[in-house]
Amino acid sequence: MKEIKDTEILEVKYDYTGEYLFSYGETSKFFKEVLINKKIYGTKCPKCGKVWMPPRKHCSDCYVDAEWIALSGRGTVLSCTYCFYASIDEKEMETFEDIPFVLAVIKLDEADTCFLHNVVAKERRLGVVKTGTRVRVEWKEKREGRVADFYFVPEEDS
């Protein structure tokens, strides 16, 4: 029997190819609007009035069914970080000029909650996007009904 040393690293090659069907379920309207109409929707609680983005079927505070509302796609960066490494496959990045990219916590004007998304500025230098930066949505030409079908740009870049 072979003695195993604690310092040896075990590596196992694992190739997997397969399809996975993902259902958006109760949030399908959000993704359909992104795909078909290039619009961002949130949900509003009819009881407390809280607007959720990302949207949810039920208000997490009141537990009642929320209603769909269109959002302007404009908001404010609450916090952000510059990322110099992407964990996604290189093929997903448009070019290596996409690094660094800005990952930001964004609060849309009509929403009471915030969400994490990318901000792409014309000028690629540190500090261009920061807390308080006003942003607006931009749409990718080819959309697939995913959150990655849109991104944000500083309003000054208009």
N, C-alpha and C. Protein backbone atom coordinates (compact mmCIF):
# COMPACT_ATOMS: atom_id res chain seq x y z
N MET A 1 0.85 -1.18 0.00
CA MET A 1 0.00 0.00 0.00
C MET A 1 0.89 1.24 0.00
N LYS A 2 0.54 2.24 -0.87
CA LYS A 2 1.34 3.46 -1.01
C LYS A 2 1.02 4.42 0.13
N GLU A 3 2.06 5.02 0.66
CA GLU A 3 1.89 6.01 1.72
C GLU A 3 1.54 7.36 1.06
N ILE A 4 0.52 8.00 1.59
CA ILE A 4 0.09 9.30 1.06
C ILE A 4 0.63 10.39 1.97
N LYS A 5 1.33 11.34 1.33
CA LYS A 5 1.88 12.47 2.09
C LYS A 5 0.86 13.59 2.15
N ASP A 6 0.83 14.29 3.27
CA ASP A 6 -0.11 15.40 3.44
C ASP A 6 0.12 16.51 2.44
N THR A 7 1.32 16.62 1.91
CA THR A 7 1.64 17.72 0.99
C THR A 7 1.28 17.42 -0.46
N GLU A 8 0.92 16.17 -0.76
CA GLU A 8 0.54 15.83 -2.13
C GLU A 8 -0.84 16.41 -2.44
N ILE A 9 -0.96 16.98 -3.63
CA ILE A 9 -2.24 17.54 -4.07
C ILE A 9 -2.86 16.58 -5.06
N LEU A 10 -4.10 16.25 -4.84
CA LEU A 10 -4.82 15.36 -5.73
C LEU A 10 -5.58 16.20 -6.74
N GLU A 11 -5.34 15.93 -8.01
CA GLU A 11 -6.06 16.62 -9.08
C GLU A 11 -6.74 15.57 -9.94
N VAL A 12 -8.00 15.79 -10.25
CA VAL A 12 -8.77 14.88 -11.06
C VAL A 12 -9.39 15.67 -12.20
N LYS A 13 -9.09 15.28 -13.43
CA LYS A 13 -9.67 15.96 -14.59
C LYS A 13 -11.12 15.52 -14.72
N TYR A 14 -11.99 16.50 -14.91
CA TYR A 14 -13.41 16.23 -15.01
C TYR A 14 -13.96 17.01 -16.19
N ASP A 15 -14.33 16.33 -17.23
CA ASP A 15 -14.96 16.97 -18.39
C ASP A 15 -16.45 16.72 -18.31
N TYR A 16 -17.21 17.80 -18.51
CA TYR A 16 -18.65 17.66 -18.46
C TYR A 16 -19.27 18.56 -19.52
N THR A 17 -20.13 18.03 -20.29
CA THR A 17 -20.90 18.80 -21.25
C THR A 17 -22.34 18.37 -21.09
N GLY A 18 -23.19 19.36 -20.98
CA GLY A 18 -24.60 19.03 -20.83
C GLY A 18 -25.44 20.27 -20.92
N GLU A 19 -26.72 20.08 -21.07
CA GLU A 19 -27.65 21.18 -21.12
C GLU A 19 -28.39 21.27 -19.80
N TYR A 20 -28.75 22.48 -19.46
CA TYR A 20 -29.52 22.70 -18.26
C TYR A 20 -30.62 23.69 -18.59
N LEU A 21 -31.85 23.35 -18.33
CA LEU A 21 -32.98 24.22 -18.58
C LEU A 21 -33.28 24.95 -17.28
N PHE A 22 -33.15 26.27 -17.32
CA PHE A 22 -33.37 27.08 -16.12
C PHE A 22 -34.68 27.84 -16.27
N SER A 23 -35.54 27.77 -15.28
CA SER A 23 -36.81 28.48 -15.30
C SER A 23 -36.72 29.71 -14.41
N TYR A 24 -37.12 30.86 -14.96
CA TYR A 24 -37.14 32.09 -14.16
C TYR A 24 -38.38 32.16 -13.28
N GLY A 25 -39.32 31.29 -13.53
CA GLY A 25 -40.50 31.20 -12.69
C GLY A 25 -41.23 32.52 -12.52
N GLU A 26 -41.45 32.92 -11.28
CA GLU A 26 -42.24 34.11 -10.97
C GLU A 26 -41.56 35.41 -11.41
N THR A 27 -40.27 35.38 -11.72
CA THR A 27 -39.58 36.60 -12.18
C THR A 27 -39.43 36.63 -13.70
N SER A 28 -40.16 35.77 -14.40
CA SER A 28 -40.06 35.71 -15.86
C SER A 28 -40.34 37.05 -16.52
N LYS A 29 -41.27 37.82 -15.99
CA LYS A 29 -41.61 39.12 -16.60
C LYS A 29 -40.36 40.01 -16.67
N PHE A 30 -39.57 40.04 -15.64
CA PHE A 30 -38.35 40.86 -15.64
C PHE A 30 -37.47 40.49 -16.83
N PHE A 31 -37.21 39.21 -17.01
CA PHE A 31 -36.31 38.75 -18.05
C PHE A 31 -36.91 38.89 -19.45
N LYS A 32 -38.23 38.73 -19.57
CA LYS A 32 -38.90 38.94 -20.86
C LYS A 32 -38.79 40.41 -21.27
N GLU A 33 -38.98 41.33 -20.33
CA GLU A 33 -38.88 42.76 -20.63
C GLU A 33 -37.45 43.12 -21.04
N VAL A 34 -36.47 42.54 -20.38
CA VAL A 34 -35.06 42.77 -20.74
C VAL A 34 -34.82 42.28 -22.17
N LEU A 35 -35.27 41.09 -22.46
CA LEU A 35 -35.04 40.46 -23.75
C LEU A 35 -35.79 41.15 -24.89
N ILE A 36 -37.06 41.37 -24.72
CA ILE A 36 -37.92 41.82 -25.82
C ILE A 36 -38.00 43.35 -25.92
N ASN A 37 -38.17 44.02 -24.79
CA ASN A 37 -38.47 45.46 -24.81
C ASN A 37 -37.36 46.37 -24.30
N LYS A 38 -36.24 45.80 -23.86
CA LYS A 38 -35.14 46.60 -23.30
C LYS A 38 -35.65 47.52 -22.19
N LYS A 39 -36.36 46.93 -21.24
CA LYS A 39 -36.88 47.68 -20.10
C LYS A 39 -36.55 46.94 -18.81
N ILE A 40 -36.37 47.72 -17.77
CA ILE A 40 -36.11 47.14 -16.45
C ILE A 40 -37.36 47.32 -15.60
N TYR A 41 -37.79 46.22 -15.00
CA TYR A 41 -38.96 46.23 -14.12
C TYR A 41 -38.54 45.84 -12.72
N GLY A 42 -39.23 46.42 -11.75
CA GLY A 42 -39.10 46.02 -10.37
C GLY A 42 -40.48 45.61 -9.90
N THR A 43 -40.61 45.32 -8.63
CA THR A 43 -41.92 45.01 -8.07
C THR A 43 -42.18 45.92 -6.88
N LYS A 44 -43.46 46.28 -6.72
CA LYS A 44 -43.86 47.19 -5.65
C LYS A 44 -44.89 46.51 -4.76
N CYS A 45 -44.71 46.64 -3.48
CA CYS A 45 -45.66 46.08 -2.52
C CYS A 45 -46.88 46.98 -2.44
N PRO A 46 -48.09 46.43 -2.67
CA PRO A 46 -49.30 47.25 -2.59
C PRO A 46 -49.66 47.65 -1.16
N LYS A 47 -49.05 46.97 -0.18
CA LYS A 47 -49.36 47.25 1.22
C LYS A 47 -48.44 48.33 1.80
N CYS A 48 -47.11 48.11 1.69
CA CYS A 48 -46.17 49.06 2.31
C CYS A 48 -45.56 50.03 1.30
N GLY A 49 -45.70 49.73 0.00
CA GLY A 49 -45.19 50.63 -1.02
C GLY A 49 -43.72 50.44 -1.36
N LYS A 50 -43.05 49.48 -0.74
CA LYS A 50 -41.63 49.27 -1.00
C LYS A 50 -41.43 48.73 -2.41
N VAL A 51 -40.44 49.30 -3.12
CA VAL A 51 -40.12 48.87 -4.47
C VAL A 51 -38.86 48.02 -4.43
N TRP A 52 -38.98 46.82 -4.96
CA TRP A 52 -37.90 45.84 -4.93
C TRP A 52 -37.19 45.76 -6.28
N MET A 53 -35.88 45.89 -6.25
CA MET A 53 -35.04 45.65 -7.41
C MET A 53 -33.74 45.05 -6.89
N PRO A 54 -33.46 43.77 -7.15
CA PRO A 54 -34.15 42.89 -8.08
C PRO A 54 -35.57 42.59 -7.61
N PRO A 55 -36.44 42.33 -8.61
CA PRO A 55 -37.85 42.10 -8.29
C PRO A 55 -38.07 40.77 -7.58
N ARG A 56 -39.16 40.70 -6.88
CA ARG A 56 -39.57 39.44 -6.23
C ARG A 56 -41.08 39.34 -6.25
N LYS A 57 -41.56 38.15 -6.24
CA LYS A 57 -43.00 37.89 -6.34
C LYS A 57 -43.74 38.40 -5.11
N HIS A 58 -43.15 38.26 -3.95
CA HIS A 58 -43.79 38.66 -2.69
C HIS A 58 -42.92 39.68 -1.97
N CYS A 59 -43.55 40.62 -1.30
CA CYS A 59 -42.82 41.59 -0.48
C CYS A 59 -42.18 40.83 0.68
N SER A 60 -40.91 40.99 0.86
CA SER A 60 -40.21 40.28 1.94
C SER A 60 -40.52 40.88 3.31
N ASP A 61 -41.13 42.07 3.34
CA ASP A 61 -41.49 42.69 4.61
C ASP A 61 -42.93 42.38 5.01
N CYS A 62 -43.85 42.41 4.01
CA CYS A 62 -45.27 42.24 4.30
C CYS A 62 -45.82 40.86 3.91
N TYR A 63 -45.08 40.14 3.08
CA TYR A 63 -45.50 38.80 2.63
C TYR A 63 -46.75 38.82 1.76
N VAL A 64 -46.98 39.92 1.05
CA VAL A 64 -48.11 39.97 0.12
C VAL A 64 -47.55 39.98 -1.30
N ASP A 65 -48.41 39.62 -2.28
CA ASP A 65 -47.99 39.62 -3.67
C ASP A 65 -47.61 41.03 -4.11
N ALA A 66 -46.46 41.15 -4.74
CA ALA A 66 -46.01 42.45 -5.25
C ALA A 66 -46.52 42.66 -6.67
N GLU A 67 -46.56 43.92 -7.10
CA GLU A 67 -47.02 44.28 -8.43
C GLU A 67 -45.84 44.77 -9.27
N TRP A 68 -45.87 44.47 -10.57
CA TRP A 68 -44.79 44.88 -11.47
C TRP A 68 -44.89 46.35 -11.81
N ILE A 69 -43.73 47.05 -11.79
CA ILE A 69 -43.68 48.45 -12.21
C ILE A 69 -42.43 48.67 -13.06
N ALA A 70 -42.55 49.53 -14.05
CA ALA A 70 -41.41 49.88 -14.90
C ALA A 70 -40.51 50.84 -14.13
N LEU A 71 -39.21 50.65 -14.30
CA LEU A 71 -38.21 51.53 -13.67
C LEU A 71 -37.48 52.30 -14.77
N SER A 72 -36.95 53.45 -14.43
CA SER A 72 -36.31 54.32 -15.42
C SER A 72 -34.97 53.81 -15.93
N GLY A 73 -34.30 52.97 -15.14
CA GLY A 73 -32.97 52.52 -15.53
C GLY A 73 -31.89 53.51 -15.14
N ARG A 74 -32.23 54.50 -14.34
CA ARG A 74 -31.26 55.49 -13.85
C ARG A 74 -31.13 55.31 -12.34
N GLY A 75 -29.90 55.51 -11.85
CA GLY A 75 -29.69 55.34 -10.43
C GLY A 75 -28.37 55.88 -9.96
N THR A 76 -27.98 55.48 -8.77
CA THR A 76 -26.78 55.99 -8.12
C THR A 76 -25.93 54.83 -7.61
N VAL A 77 -24.62 54.95 -7.79
CA VAL A 77 -23.69 53.96 -7.25
C VAL A 77 -23.55 54.20 -5.75
N LEU A 78 -23.86 53.18 -4.95
CA LEU A 78 -23.72 53.28 -3.49
C LEU A 78 -22.32 52.87 -3.04
N SER A 79 -21.75 51.90 -3.74
CA SER A 79 -20.37 51.49 -3.50
C SER A 79 -19.89 50.72 -4.72
N CYS A 80 -18.58 50.62 -4.89
CA CYS A 80 -18.07 49.90 -6.06
C CYS A 80 -16.64 49.44 -5.82
N THR A 81 -16.21 48.54 -6.67
CA THR A 81 -14.85 48.05 -6.63
C THR A 81 -14.37 47.84 -8.06
N TYR A 82 -13.10 48.04 -8.26
CA TYR A 82 -12.49 47.79 -9.57
C TYR A 82 -11.93 46.38 -9.56
N CYS A 83 -12.33 45.57 -10.53
CA CYS A 83 -11.93 44.17 -10.60
C CYS A 83 -10.89 43.99 -11.69
N PHE A 84 -9.77 43.41 -11.33
CA PHE A 84 -8.67 43.20 -12.28
C PHE A 84 -8.57 41.76 -12.74
N TYR A 85 -9.50 40.95 -12.27
CA TYR A 85 -9.53 39.54 -12.65
C TYR A 85 -10.98 39.12 -12.74
N ALA A 86 -11.33 38.50 -13.83
CA ALA A 86 -12.70 38.00 -13.99
C ALA A 86 -12.72 36.50 -13.78
N SER A 87 -13.68 36.02 -13.03
CA SER A 87 -13.76 34.59 -12.76
C SER A 87 -14.46 33.85 -13.88
N ILE A 88 -14.94 34.58 -14.88
CA ILE A 88 -15.61 33.93 -15.99
C ILE A 88 -14.60 33.50 -17.04
N ASP A 89 -15.03 32.66 -17.93
CA ASP A 89 -14.19 32.19 -19.03
C ASP A 89 -13.76 33.36 -19.90
N GLU A 90 -12.51 33.36 -20.34
CA GLU A 90 -11.98 34.43 -21.19
C GLU A 90 -12.87 34.70 -22.39
N LYS A 91 -13.50 33.66 -22.92
CA LYS A 91 -14.34 33.82 -24.10
C LYS A 91 -15.55 34.69 -23.82
N GLU A 92 -15.98 34.77 -22.55
CA GLU A 92 -17.11 35.60 -22.18
C GLU A 92 -16.77 37.09 -22.22
N MET A 93 -15.51 37.43 -21.97
CA MET A 93 -15.09 38.83 -21.99
C MET A 93 -14.98 39.27 -23.44
N GLU A 94 -15.44 40.48 -23.74
CA GLU A 94 -15.39 40.98 -25.11
C GLU A 94 -13.94 41.09 -25.57
N THR A 95 -13.13 41.75 -24.78
CA THR A 95 -11.70 41.88 -25.06
C THR A 95 -11.01 42.00 -23.72
N PHE A 96 -9.69 41.92 -23.73
CA PHE A 96 -8.97 42.12 -22.47
C PHE A 96 -8.99 43.58 -22.05
N GLU A 97 -9.49 44.47 -22.93
CA GLU A 97 -9.67 45.86 -22.55
C GLU A 97 -10.81 46.00 -21.54
N ASP A 98 -11.60 44.93 -21.36
CA ASP A 98 -12.69 44.96 -20.39
C ASP A 98 -12.18 44.89 -18.96
N ILE A 99 -10.90 44.66 -18.78
CA ILE A 99 -10.28 44.60 -17.45
C ILE A 99 -9.49 45.89 -17.25
N PRO A 100 -9.57 46.62 -16.17
CA PRO A 100 -10.46 46.33 -15.05
C PRO A 100 -11.90 46.70 -15.38
N PHE A 101 -12.81 46.02 -14.71
CA PHE A 101 -14.21 46.40 -14.83
C PHE A 101 -14.69 46.81 -13.45
N VAL A 102 -15.77 47.57 -13.44
CA VAL A 102 -16.30 48.09 -12.18
C VAL A 102 -17.54 47.30 -11.79
N LEU A 103 -17.52 46.74 -10.61
CA LEU A 103 -18.67 46.06 -10.04
C LEU A 103 -19.24 46.99 -8.98
N ALA A 104 -20.51 47.36 -9.12
CA ALA A 104 -21.09 48.38 -8.25
C ALA A 104 -22.40 47.94 -7.63
N VAL A 105 -22.66 48.45 -6.45
CA VAL A 105 -23.97 48.32 -5.80
C VAL A 105 -24.74 49.55 -6.27
N ILE A 106 -25.83 49.32 -6.99
CA ILE A 106 -26.60 50.40 -7.61
C ILE A 106 -28.00 50.44 -7.03
N LYS A 107 -28.44 51.66 -6.71
CA LYS A 107 -29.82 51.88 -6.27
C LYS A 107 -30.51 52.67 -7.36
N LEU A 108 -31.47 52.04 -8.04
CA LEU A 108 -32.23 52.74 -9.06
C LEU A 108 -33.15 53.77 -8.40
N ASP A 109 -33.41 54.85 -9.12
CA ASP A 109 -34.14 55.98 -8.54
C ASP A 109 -35.46 55.60 -7.90
N GLU A 110 -36.23 54.74 -8.52
CA GLU A 110 -37.56 54.40 -8.01
C GLU A 110 -37.53 53.28 -6.96
N ALA A 111 -36.41 52.62 -6.81
CA ALA A 111 -36.33 51.44 -5.95
C ALA A 111 -35.93 51.78 -4.51
N ASP A 112 -36.34 50.92 -3.61
CA ASP A 112 -35.95 51.06 -2.21
C ASP A 112 -34.80 50.11 -1.86
N THR A 113 -34.49 49.20 -2.76
CA THR A 113 -33.41 48.25 -2.54
C THR A 113 -32.35 48.47 -3.62
N CYS A 114 -31.23 47.80 -3.48
CA CYS A 114 -30.16 47.96 -4.46
C CYS A 114 -29.68 46.59 -4.94
N PHE A 115 -28.89 46.62 -6.01
CA PHE A 115 -28.40 45.36 -6.58
C PHE A 115 -27.00 45.57 -7.14
N LEU A 116 -26.34 44.46 -7.41
CA LEU A 116 -24.96 44.44 -7.88
C LEU A 116 -24.94 44.31 -9.40
N HIS A 117 -24.20 45.21 -10.06
CA HIS A 117 -24.09 45.12 -11.52
C HIS A 117 -22.83 45.84 -11.99
N ASN A 118 -22.54 45.69 -13.29
CA ASN A 118 -21.34 46.31 -13.88
C ASN A 118 -21.62 47.74 -14.33
N VAL A 119 -20.58 48.59 -14.18
CA VAL A 119 -20.61 49.94 -14.72
C VAL A 119 -19.44 50.05 -15.67
N VAL A 120 -19.70 50.50 -16.90
CA VAL A 120 -18.66 50.63 -17.91
C VAL A 120 -18.52 52.11 -18.26
N ALA A 121 -17.37 52.69 -17.96
CA ALA A 121 -17.11 54.10 -18.26
C ALA A 121 -16.26 54.21 -19.52
N LYS A 122 -16.45 55.30 -20.27
CA LYS A 122 -15.63 55.52 -21.47
C LYS A 122 -14.16 55.59 -21.09
N GLU A 123 -13.89 56.31 -20.02
CA GLU A 123 -12.50 56.46 -19.56
C GLU A 123 -12.19 55.34 -18.57
N ARG A 124 -11.22 54.51 -18.92
CA ARG A 124 -10.88 53.34 -18.09
C ARG A 124 -9.74 53.66 -17.15
N ARG A 125 -10.04 54.45 -16.13
CA ARG A 125 -9.01 54.69 -15.11
C ARG A 125 -9.67 54.65 -13.74
N LEU A 126 -8.87 54.32 -12.74
CA LEU A 126 -9.39 54.21 -11.38
C LEU A 126 -10.00 55.53 -10.92
N GLY A 127 -11.10 55.43 -10.23
CA GLY A 127 -11.73 56.60 -9.65
C GLY A 127 -12.76 57.29 -10.51
N VAL A 128 -12.90 56.89 -11.76
CA VAL A 128 -13.91 57.51 -12.63
C VAL A 128 -15.30 57.16 -12.10
N VAL A 129 -15.50 55.91 -11.74
CA VAL A 129 -16.76 55.48 -11.13
C VAL A 129 -16.50 55.38 -9.63
N LYS A 130 -17.34 56.01 -8.85
CA LYS A 130 -17.17 56.01 -7.39
C LYS A 130 -18.53 56.17 -6.72
N THR A 131 -18.55 56.10 -5.41
CA THR A 131 -19.78 56.31 -4.66
C THR A 131 -20.39 57.65 -5.06
N GLY A 132 -21.67 57.63 -5.37
CA GLY A 132 -22.37 58.85 -5.76
C GLY A 132 -22.48 59.06 -7.26
N THR A 133 -21.74 58.27 -8.06
CA THR A 133 -21.82 58.40 -9.51
C THR A 133 -23.24 58.08 -9.99
N ARG A 134 -23.78 58.98 -10.80
CA ARG A 134 -25.09 58.74 -11.41
C ARG A 134 -24.89 57.86 -12.63
N VAL A 135 -25.74 56.83 -12.78
CA VAL A 135 -25.62 55.88 -13.89
C VAL A 135 -26.96 55.70 -14.59
N ARG A 136 -26.88 55.20 -15.83
CA ARG A 136 -28.07 54.85 -16.59
C ARG A 136 -27.81 53.53 -17.29
N VAL A 137 -28.87 52.81 -17.60
CA VAL A 137 -28.76 51.50 -18.23
C VAL A 137 -28.38 51.64 -19.70
N GLU A 138 -27.59 50.70 -20.18
CA GLU A 138 -27.27 50.54 -21.60
C GLU A 138 -27.56 49.08 -21.93
N TRP A 139 -27.92 48.83 -23.18
CA TRP A 139 -28.33 47.48 -23.60
C TRP A 139 -27.34 46.90 -24.58
N LYS A 140 -27.06 45.63 -24.41
CA LYS A 140 -26.25 44.92 -25.40
C LYS A 140 -27.12 44.70 -26.64
N GLU A 141 -26.48 44.70 -27.80
CA GLU A 141 -27.23 44.51 -29.04
C GLU A 141 -27.87 43.12 -29.08
N LYS A 142 -27.07 42.12 -28.74
CA LYS A 142 -27.59 40.75 -28.73
C LYS A 142 -27.98 40.41 -27.29
N ARG A 143 -29.27 40.15 -27.09
CA ARG A 143 -29.76 39.83 -25.75
C ARG A 143 -30.29 38.40 -25.73
N GLU A 144 -30.21 37.78 -24.55
CA GLU A 144 -30.62 36.39 -24.40
C GLU A 144 -31.61 36.20 -23.24
N GLY A 145 -32.06 37.30 -22.63
CA GLY A 145 -32.96 37.17 -21.49
C GLY A 145 -32.20 36.89 -20.22
N ARG A 146 -31.05 37.57 -20.05
CA ARG A 146 -30.21 37.39 -18.86
C ARG A 146 -29.89 38.75 -18.25
N VAL A 147 -29.48 38.75 -17.01
CA VAL A 147 -29.05 39.98 -16.35
C VAL A 147 -27.85 40.58 -17.09
N ALA A 148 -27.05 39.75 -17.73
CA ALA A 148 -25.88 40.23 -18.46
C ALA A 148 -26.24 40.91 -19.78
N ASP A 149 -27.53 41.01 -20.10
CA ASP A 149 -27.95 41.67 -21.33
C ASP A 149 -27.89 43.19 -21.22
N PHE A 150 -27.68 43.69 -20.03
CA PHE A 150 -27.55 45.14 -19.84
C PHE A 150 -26.42 45.43 -18.87
N TYR A 151 -26.00 46.67 -18.87
CA TYR A 151 -24.97 47.16 -17.96
C TYR A 151 -25.25 48.65 -17.73
N PHE A 152 -24.46 49.29 -16.93
CA PHE A 152 -24.68 50.70 -16.64
C PHE A 152 -23.48 51.52 -17.08
N VAL A 153 -23.75 52.79 -17.41
CA VAL A 153 -22.70 53.74 -17.78
C VAL A 153 -22.93 55.00 -16.95
N PRO A 154 -21.85 55.72 -16.66
CA PRO A 154 -22.04 57.01 -15.96
C PRO A 154 -22.86 57.96 -16.84
N GLU A 155 -23.75 58.74 -16.24
CA GLU A 155 -24.56 59.67 -17.02
C GLU A 155 -23.71 60.71 -17.73
N GLU A 156 -22.54 61.03 -17.19
CA GLU A 156 -21.65 62.01 -17.83
C GLU A 156 -21.15 61.49 -19.17
N ASP A 157 -21.15 60.16 -19.37
CA ASP A 157 -20.67 59.57 -20.62
C ASP A 157 -21.71 59.69 -21.74
N SER A 158 -22.85 60.28 -21.47
CA SER A 158 -23.92 60.38 -22.47
C SER A 158 -23.52 61.32 -23.60
